[in-house]
PDB file of all heavy atoms in Angstrom:
ATOM      1  N   ASP A   1     -56.205-116.934  50.153  1.00  0.00           N
ATOM      2  CA  ASP A   1     -55.170-117.907  49.790  1.00  0.00           C
ATOM      3  C   ASP A   1     -54.056-117.260  48.972  1.00  0.00           C
ATOM      4  O   ASP A   1     -52.875-117.519  49.203  1.00  0.00           O
ATOM      5  CB  ASP A   1     -55.766-119.080  49.004  1.00  0.00           C
ATOM      6  CG  ASP A   1     -56.620-119.996  49.870  1.00  0.00           C
ATOM      7  OD1 ASP A   1     -56.515-119.900  51.111  1.00  0.00           O
ATOM      8  OD2 ASP A   1     -57.370-120.799  49.305  1.00  0.00           O
ATOM      9  N   ALA A   2     -54.423-116.416  48.022  1.00  0.00           N
ATOM     10  CA  ALA A   2     -53.425-115.736  47.190  1.00  0.00           C
ATOM     11  C   ALA A   2     -52.617-114.747  48.023  1.00  0.00           C
ATOM     12  O   ALA A   2     -51.405-114.603  47.825  1.00  0.00           O
ATOM     13  CB  ALA A   2     -54.098-115.029  46.016  1.00  0.00           C
ATOM     14  N   SER A   3     -53.283-114.079  48.964  1.00  0.00           N
ATOM     15  CA  SER A   3     -52.579-113.139  49.844  1.00  0.00           C
ATOM     16  C   SER A   3     -51.549-113.866  50.700  1.00  0.00           C
ATOM     17  O   SER A   3     -50.423-113.387  50.877  1.00  0.00           O
ATOM     18  CB  SER A   3     -53.569-112.410  50.755  1.00  0.00           C
ATOM     19  OG  SER A   3     -54.398-111.557  50.014  1.00  0.00           O
ATOM     20  N   ILE A   4     -51.934-115.023  51.231  1.00  0.00           N
ATOM     21  CA  ILE A   4     -51.004-115.802  52.053  1.00  0.00           C
ATOM     22  C   ILE A   4     -49.822-116.268  51.220  1.00  0.00           C
ATOM     23  O   ILE A   4     -48.672-116.201  51.661  1.00  0.00           O
ATOM     24  CB  ILE A   4     -51.728-116.986  52.714  1.00  0.00           C
ATOM     25  CG1 ILE A   4     -52.697-116.454  53.773  1.00  0.00           C
ATOM     26  CG2 ILE A   4     -50.729-117.958  53.336  1.00  0.00           C
ATOM     27  CD1 ILE A   4     -53.627-117.494  54.350  1.00  0.00           C
ATOM     28  N   ALA A   5     -50.080-116.711  49.990  1.00  0.00           N
ATOM     29  CA  ALA A   5     -48.998-117.150  49.104  1.00  0.00           C
ATOM     30  C   ALA A   5     -48.045-115.989  48.805  1.00  0.00           C
ATOM     31  O   ALA A   5     -46.820-116.162  48.813  1.00  0.00           O
ATOM     32  CB  ALA A   5     -49.565-117.725  47.812  1.00  0.00           C
ATOM     33  N   LYS A   6     -48.597-114.809  48.542  1.00  0.00           N
ATOM     34  CA  LYS A   6     -47.760-113.621  48.281  1.00  0.00           C
ATOM     35  C   LYS A   6     -46.942-113.273  49.519  1.00  0.00           C
ATOM     36  O   LYS A   6     -45.759-112.940  49.427  1.00  0.00           O
ATOM     37  CB  LYS A   6     -48.620-112.418  47.878  1.00  0.00           C
ATOM     38  CG  LYS A   6     -49.183-112.479  46.500  1.00  0.00           C
ATOM     39  CD  LYS A   6     -48.135-112.076  45.494  1.00  0.00           C
ATOM     40  CE  LYS A   6     -48.775-111.950  44.115  1.00  0.00           C
ATOM     41  NZ  LYS A   6     -47.756-111.746  43.088  1.00  0.00           N
ATOM     42  N   PHE A   7     -47.582-113.339  50.684  1.00  0.00           N
ATOM     43  CA  PHE A   7     -46.886-113.032  51.929  1.00  0.00           C
ATOM     44  C   PHE A   7     -45.734-114.001  52.153  1.00  0.00           C
ATOM     45  O   PHE A   7     -44.623-113.591  52.524  1.00  0.00           O
ATOM     46  CB  PHE A   7     -47.860-113.083  53.104  1.00  0.00           C
ATOM     47  CG  PHE A   7     -47.224-112.731  54.415  1.00  0.00           C
ATOM     48  CD1 PHE A   7     -47.092-111.407  54.799  1.00  0.00           C
ATOM     49  CD2 PHE A   7     -46.750-113.720  55.264  1.00  0.00           C
ATOM     50  CE1 PHE A   7     -46.497-111.066  56.003  1.00  0.00           C
ATOM     51  CE2 PHE A   7     -46.146-113.387  56.473  1.00  0.00           C
ATOM     52  CZ  PHE A   7     -46.024-112.070  56.842  1.00  0.00           C
ATOM     53  N   GLU A   8     -45.973-115.283  51.920  1.00  0.00           N
ATOM     54  CA  GLU A   8     -44.913-116.290  52.081  1.00  0.00           C
ATOM     55  C   GLU A   8     -43.754-116.032  51.129  1.00  0.00           C
ATOM     56  O   GLU A   8     -42.587-116.134  51.513  1.00  0.00           O
ATOM     57  CB  GLU A   8     -45.468-117.693  51.860  1.00  0.00           C
ATOM     58  CG  GLU A   8     -46.354-118.176  52.981  1.00  0.00           C
ATOM     59  CD  GLU A   8     -47.009-119.518  52.702  1.00  0.00           C
ATOM     60  OE1 GLU A   8     -47.012-119.985  51.541  1.00  0.00           O
ATOM     61  OE2 GLU A   8     -47.535-120.109  53.662  1.00  0.00           O
ATOM     62  N   LEU A   9     -44.074-115.685  49.885  1.00  0.00           N
ATOM     63  CA  LEU A   9     -43.031-115.373  48.911  1.00  0.00           C
ATOM     64  C   LEU A   9     -42.245-114.147  49.360  1.00  0.00           C
ATOM     65  O   LEU A   9     -41.008-114.133  49.296  1.00  0.00           O
ATOM     66  CB  LEU A   9     -43.636-115.144  47.522  1.00  0.00           C
ATOM     67  CG  LEU A   9     -42.671-114.712  46.429  1.00  0.00           C
ATOM     68  CD1 LEU A   9     -41.557-115.740  46.247  1.00  0.00           C
ATOM     69  CD2 LEU A   9     -43.420-114.476  45.119  1.00  0.00           C
ATOM     70  N   GLY A  10     -42.942-113.128  49.823  1.00  0.00           N
ATOM     71  CA  GLY A  10     -42.273-111.922  50.311  1.00  0.00           C
ATOM     72  C   GLY A  10     -41.341-112.224  51.469  1.00  0.00           C
ATOM     73  O   GLY A  10     -40.213-111.724  51.512  1.00  0.00           O
ATOM     74  N   ALA A  11     -41.800-113.047  52.402  1.00  0.00           N
ATOM     75  CA  ALA A  11     -40.963-113.410  53.548  1.00  0.00           C
ATOM     76  C   ALA A  11     -39.719-114.162  53.088  1.00  0.00           C
ATOM     77  O   ALA A  11     -38.617-113.928  53.597  1.00  0.00           O
ATOM     78  CB  ALA A  11     -41.771-114.253  54.530  1.00  0.00           C
ATOM     79  N   LYS A  12     -39.881-115.046  52.118  1.00  0.00           N
ATOM     80  CA  LYS A  12     -38.740-115.795  51.578  1.00  0.00           C
ATOM     81  C   LYS A  12     -37.741-114.844  50.905  1.00  0.00           C
ATOM     82  O   LYS A  12     -36.527-114.965  51.091  1.00  0.00           O
ATOM     83  CB  LYS A  12     -39.246-116.826  50.563  1.00  0.00           C
ATOM     84  CG  LYS A  12     -38.161-117.625  49.899  1.00  0.00           C
ATOM     85  CD  LYS A  12     -38.744-118.585  48.870  1.00  0.00           C
ATOM     86  CE  LYS A  12     -37.648-119.243  48.060  1.00  0.00           C
ATOM     87  NZ  LYS A  12     -38.185-120.081  46.982  1.00  0.00           N
ATOM     88  N   LEU A  13     -38.247-113.887  50.149  1.00  0.00           N
ATOM     89  CA  LEU A  13     -37.371-112.933  49.459  1.00  0.00           C
ATOM     90  C   LEU A  13     -36.645-112.022  50.447  1.00  0.00           C
ATOM     91  O   LEU A  13     -35.472-111.692  50.251  1.00  0.00           O
ATOM     92  CB  LEU A  13     -38.174-112.113  48.448  1.00  0.00           C
ATOM     93  CG  LEU A  13     -38.727-112.888  47.259  1.00  0.00           C
ATOM     94  CD1 LEU A  13     -39.629-111.998  46.413  1.00  0.00           C
ATOM     95  CD2 LEU A  13     -37.614-113.486  46.424  1.00  0.00           C
ATOM     96  N   ILE A  14     -37.336-111.626  51.514  1.00  0.00           N
ATOM     97  CA  ILE A  14     -36.696-110.796  52.539  1.00  0.00           C
ATOM     98  C   ILE A  14     -35.570-111.573  53.205  1.00  0.00           C
ATOM     99  O   ILE A  14     -34.477-111.040  53.425  1.00  0.00           O
ATOM    100  CB  ILE A  14     -37.731-110.306  53.574  1.00  0.00           C
ATOM    101  CG1 ILE A  14     -38.638-109.266  52.919  1.00  0.00           C
ATOM    102  CG2 ILE A  14     -37.045-109.738  54.818  1.00  0.00           C
ATOM    103  CD1 ILE A  14     -39.841-108.890  53.754  1.00  0.00           C
ATOM    104  N   LYS A  15     -35.819-112.835  53.495  1.00  0.00           N
ATOM    105  CA  LYS A  15     -34.785-113.679  54.100  1.00  0.00           C
ATOM    106  C   LYS A  15     -33.580-113.785  53.163  1.00  0.00           C
ATOM    107  O   LYS A  15     -32.429-113.724  53.603  1.00  0.00           O
ATOM    108  CB  LYS A  15     -35.359-115.063  54.393  1.00  0.00           C
ATOM    109  CG  LYS A  15     -34.432-115.956  55.160  1.00  0.00           C
ATOM    110  CD  LYS A  15     -35.114-117.270  55.526  1.00  0.00           C
ATOM    111  CE  LYS A  15     -34.185-118.156  56.303  1.00  0.00           C
ATOM    112  NZ  LYS A  15     -34.816-119.417  56.687  1.00  0.00           N
ATOM    113  N   GLN A  16     -33.841-113.912  51.862  1.00  0.00           N
ATOM    114  CA  GLN A  16     -32.768-113.967  50.869  1.00  0.00           C
ATOM    115  C   GLN A  16     -31.972-112.662  50.865  1.00  0.00           C
ATOM    116  O   GLN A  16     -30.739-112.680  50.806  1.00  0.00           O
ATOM    117  CB  GLN A  16     -33.353-114.230  49.482  1.00  0.00           C
ATOM    118  CG  GLN A  16     -32.324-114.243  48.377  1.00  0.00           C
ATOM    119  CD  GLN A  16     -32.972-114.387  46.997  1.00  0.00           C
ATOM    120  OE1 GLN A  16     -34.041-114.967  46.862  1.00  0.00           O
ATOM    121  NE2 GLN A  16     -32.313-113.857  45.998  1.00  0.00           N
ATOM    122  N   CYS A  17     -32.659-111.534  50.946  1.00  0.00           N
ATOM    123  CA  CYS A  17     -31.975-110.236  50.969  1.00  0.00           C
ATOM    124  C   CYS A  17     -31.078-110.105  52.194  1.00  0.00           C
ATOM    125  O   CYS A  17     -29.951-109.622  52.093  1.00  0.00           O
ATOM    126  CB  CYS A  17     -32.988-109.095  50.939  1.00  0.00           C
ATOM    127  SG  CYS A  17     -33.698-108.791  49.314  1.00  0.00           S
ATOM    128  N   TYR A  18     -31.572-110.524  53.349  1.00  0.00           N
ATOM    129  CA  TYR A  18     -30.745-110.472  54.556  1.00  0.00           C
ATOM    130  C   TYR A  18     -29.502-111.346  54.404  1.00  0.00           C
ATOM    131  O   TYR A  18     -28.406-110.951  54.806  1.00  0.00           O
ATOM    132  CB  TYR A  18     -31.542-110.894  55.797  1.00  0.00           C
ATOM    133  CG  TYR A  18     -32.368-109.790  56.392  1.00  0.00           C
ATOM    134  CD1 TYR A  18     -33.746-109.896  56.475  1.00  0.00           C
ATOM    135  CD2 TYR A  18     -31.771-108.638  56.886  1.00  0.00           C
ATOM    136  CE1 TYR A  18     -34.513-108.876  57.027  1.00  0.00           C
ATOM    137  CE2 TYR A  18     -32.518-107.616  57.441  1.00  0.00           C
ATOM    138  CZ  TYR A  18     -33.894-107.748  57.504  1.00  0.00           C
ATOM    139  OH  TYR A  18     -34.641-106.740  58.053  1.00  0.00           O
ATOM    140  N   ALA A  19     -29.662-112.525  53.817  1.00  0.00           N
ATOM    141  CA  ALA A  19     -28.514-113.410  53.601  1.00  0.00           C
ATOM    142  C   ALA A  19     -27.523-112.767  52.638  1.00  0.00           C
ATOM    143  O   ALA A  19     -26.304-112.833  52.847  1.00  0.00           O
ATOM    144  CB  ALA A  19     -28.974-114.764  53.075  1.00  0.00           C
ATOM    145  N   ASP A  20     -28.042-112.137  51.580  1.00  0.00           N
ATOM    146  CA  ASP A  20     -27.176-111.456  50.614  1.00  0.00           C
ATOM    147  C   ASP A  20     -26.411-110.315  51.279  1.00  0.00           C
ATOM    148  O   ASP A  20     -25.213-110.137  51.046  1.00  0.00           O
ATOM    149  CB  ASP A  20     -27.986-110.913  49.436  1.00  0.00           C
ATOM    150  CG  ASP A  20     -28.549-112.000  48.538  1.00  0.00           C
ATOM    151  OD1 ASP A  20     -28.133-113.172  48.664  1.00  0.00           O
ATOM    152  OD2 ASP A  20     -29.424-111.680  47.704  1.00  0.00           O
ATOM    153  N   LEU A  21     -27.109-109.537  52.109  1.00  0.00           N
ATOM    154  CA  LEU A  21     -26.456-108.432  52.802  1.00  0.00           C
ATOM    155  C   LEU A  21     -25.375-108.927  53.748  1.00  0.00           C
ATOM    156  O   LEU A  21     -24.299-108.330  53.854  1.00  0.00           O
ATOM    157  CB  LEU A  21     -27.483-107.601  53.574  1.00  0.00           C
ATOM    158  CG  LEU A  21     -28.384-106.716  52.739  1.00  0.00           C
ATOM    159  CD1 LEU A  21     -29.464-106.088  53.619  1.00  0.00           C
ATOM    160  CD2 LEU A  21     -27.599-105.648  52.011  1.00  0.00           C
ATOM    161  N   GLU A  22     -25.649-110.006  54.435  1.00  0.00           N
ATOM    162  CA  GLU A  22     -24.658-110.566  55.358  1.00  0.00           C
ATOM    163  C   GLU A  22     -23.422-111.033  54.588  1.00  0.00           C
ATOM    164  O   GLU A  22     -22.292-110.830  55.011  1.00  0.00           O
ATOM    165  CB  GLU A  22     -25.263-111.716  56.157  1.00  0.00           C
ATOM    166  CG  GLU A  22     -24.427-112.163  57.318  1.00  0.00           C
ATOM    167  CD  GLU A  22     -24.170-111.082  58.357  1.00  0.00           C
ATOM    168  OE1 GLU A  22     -25.037-110.232  58.596  1.00  0.00           O
ATOM    169  OE2 GLU A  22     -23.069-111.089  58.930  1.00  0.00           O
ATOM    170  N   SER A  23     -23.651-111.639  53.423  1.00  0.00           N
ATOM    171  CA  SER A  23     -22.547-112.088  52.587  1.00  0.00           C
ATOM    172  C   SER A  23     -21.692-110.908  52.118  1.00  0.00           C
ATOM    173  O   SER A  23     -20.465-110.959  52.155  1.00  0.00           O
ATOM    174  CB  SER A  23     -23.098-112.852  51.383  1.00  0.00           C
ATOM    175  OG  SER A  23     -22.074-113.168  50.478  1.00  0.00           O
ATOM    176  N   VAL A  24     -22.353-109.852  51.689  1.00  0.00           N
ATOM    177  CA  VAL A  24     -21.632-108.664  51.221  1.00  0.00           C
ATOM    178  C   VAL A  24     -20.888-108.018  52.383  1.00  0.00           C
ATOM    179  O   VAL A  24     -19.740-107.583  52.236  1.00  0.00           O
ATOM    180  CB  VAL A  24     -22.610-107.661  50.561  1.00  0.00           C
ATOM    181  CG1 VAL A  24     -21.933-106.332  50.313  1.00  0.00           C
ATOM    182  CG2 VAL A  24     -23.145-108.232  49.263  1.00  0.00           C
ATOM    183  N   LYS A  25     -21.525-107.967  53.538  1.00  0.00           N
ATOM    184  CA  LYS A  25     -20.884-107.361  54.713  1.00  0.00           C
ATOM    185  C   LYS A  25     -19.568-108.053  55.027  1.00  0.00           C
ATOM    186  O   LYS A  25     -18.587-107.403  55.385  1.00  0.00           O
ATOM    187  CB  LYS A  25     -21.822-107.445  55.907  1.00  0.00           C
ATOM    188  CG  LYS A  25     -21.288-106.828  57.167  1.00  0.00           C
ATOM    189  CD  LYS A  25     -22.290-106.956  58.299  1.00  0.00           C
ATOM    190  CE  LYS A  25     -21.697-106.491  59.598  1.00  0.00           C
ATOM    191  NZ  LYS A  25     -22.628-106.673  60.716  1.00  0.00           N
ATOM    192  N   LYS A  26     -19.531-109.366  54.879  1.00  0.00           N
ATOM    193  CA  LYS A  26     -18.320-110.120  55.155  1.00  0.00           C
ATOM    194  C   LYS A  26     -17.223-109.801  54.144  1.00  0.00           C
ATOM    195  O   LYS A  26     -16.042-109.961  54.434  1.00  0.00           O
ATOM    196  CB  LYS A  26     -18.619-111.616  55.154  1.00  0.00           C
ATOM    197  CG  LYS A  26     -19.453-112.042  56.339  1.00  0.00           C
ATOM    198  CD  LYS A  26     -19.799-113.509  56.281  1.00  0.00           C
ATOM    199  CE  LYS A  26     -20.690-113.902  57.448  1.00  0.00           C
ATOM    200  NZ  LYS A  26     -21.096-115.303  57.381  1.00  0.00           N
ATOM    201  N   LYS A  27     -17.587-109.371  52.948  1.00  0.00           N
ATOM    202  CA  LYS A  27     -16.612-109.094  51.891  1.00  0.00           C
ATOM    203  C   LYS A  27     -16.044-107.671  51.964  1.00  0.00           C
ATOM    204  O   LYS A  27     -14.996-107.378  51.396  1.00  0.00           O
ATOM    205  CB  LYS A  27     -17.252-109.285  50.513  1.00  0.00           C
ATOM    206  CG  LYS A  27     -17.644-110.708  50.210  1.00  0.00           C
ATOM    207  CD  LYS A  27     -18.309-110.786  48.856  1.00  0.00           C
ATOM    208  CE  LYS A  27     -18.838-112.170  48.581  1.00  0.00           C
ATOM    209  NZ  LYS A  27     -19.558-112.219  47.301  1.00  0.00           N
ATOM    210  N   ILE A  28     -16.781-106.793  52.620  1.00  0.00           N
ATOM    211  CA  ILE A  28     -16.395-105.378  52.599  1.00  0.00           C
ATOM    212  C   ILE A  28     -15.175-105.121  53.482  1.00  0.00           C
ATOM    213  O   ILE A  28     -15.107-105.559  54.604  1.00  0.00           O
ATOM    214  CB  ILE A  28     -17.558-104.490  53.074  1.00  0.00           C
ATOM    215  CG1 ILE A  28     -18.701-104.559  52.070  1.00  0.00           C
ATOM    216  CG2 ILE A  28     -17.104-103.045  53.258  1.00  0.00           C
ATOM    217  CD1 ILE A  28     -19.922-103.790  52.482  1.00  0.00           C
ATOM    218  N   SER A  29     -14.231-104.432  52.917  1.00  0.00           N
ATOM    219  CA  SER A  29     -13.083-103.952  53.683  1.00  0.00           C
ATOM    220  C   SER A  29     -12.949-102.463  53.407  1.00  0.00           C
ATOM    221  O   SER A  29     -13.269-101.983  52.329  1.00  0.00           O
ATOM    222  CB  SER A  29     -11.806-104.651  53.245  1.00  0.00           C
ATOM    223  OG  SER A  29     -11.860-106.006  53.608  1.00  0.00           O
ATOM    224  N   LEU A  30     -12.523-101.748  54.403  1.00  0.00           N
ATOM    225  CA  LEU A  30     -12.320-100.311  54.256  1.00  0.00           C
ATOM    226  C   LEU A  30     -10.827-100.017  54.219  1.00  0.00           C
ATOM    227  O   LEU A  30     -10.044-100.607  54.961  1.00  0.00           O
ATOM    228  CB  LEU A  30     -12.944 -99.563  55.441  1.00  0.00           C
ATOM    229  CG  LEU A  30     -14.439 -99.759  55.643  1.00  0.00           C
ATOM    230  CD1 LEU A  30     -14.875 -99.059  56.932  1.00  0.00           C
ATOM    231  CD2 LEU A  30     -15.203 -99.203  54.476  1.00  0.00           C
ATOM    232  N   ILE A  31     -10.448 -99.120  53.354  1.00  0.00           N
ATOM    233  CA  ILE A  31      -9.061 -98.653  53.326  1.00  0.00           C
ATOM    234  C   ILE A  31      -9.031 -97.343  54.099  1.00  0.00           C
ATOM    235  O   ILE A  31      -9.747 -96.404  53.798  1.00  0.00           O
ATOM    236  CB  ILE A  31      -8.569 -98.446  51.889  1.00  0.00           C
ATOM    237  CG1 ILE A  31      -8.569 -99.776  51.150  1.00  0.00           C
ATOM    238  CG2 ILE A  31      -7.196 -97.795  51.894  1.00  0.00           C
ATOM    239  CD1 ILE A  31      -8.156 -99.680  49.707  1.00  0.00           C
ATOM    240  N   VAL A  32      -8.228 -97.333  55.122  1.00  0.00           N
ATOM    241  CA  VAL A  32      -8.168 -96.195  56.017  1.00  0.00           C
ATOM    242  C   VAL A  32      -6.778 -95.580  55.934  1.00  0.00           C
ATOM    243  O   VAL A  32      -5.778 -96.283  56.036  1.00  0.00           O
ATOM    244  CB  VAL A  32      -8.460 -96.631  57.473  1.00  0.00           C
ATOM    245  CG1 VAL A  32      -8.360 -95.453  58.426  1.00  0.00           C
ATOM    246  CG2 VAL A  32      -9.831 -97.282  57.563  1.00  0.00           C
TER     247      VAL A  32
END
């Protein structure tokens, strides 16, 4: 039960990281 709870939390945090990365990607501009 504790392993499943940890796994669920990890999956939620990974999803949050992907959302954060997508947000940052949209903000990035390169000066060329």
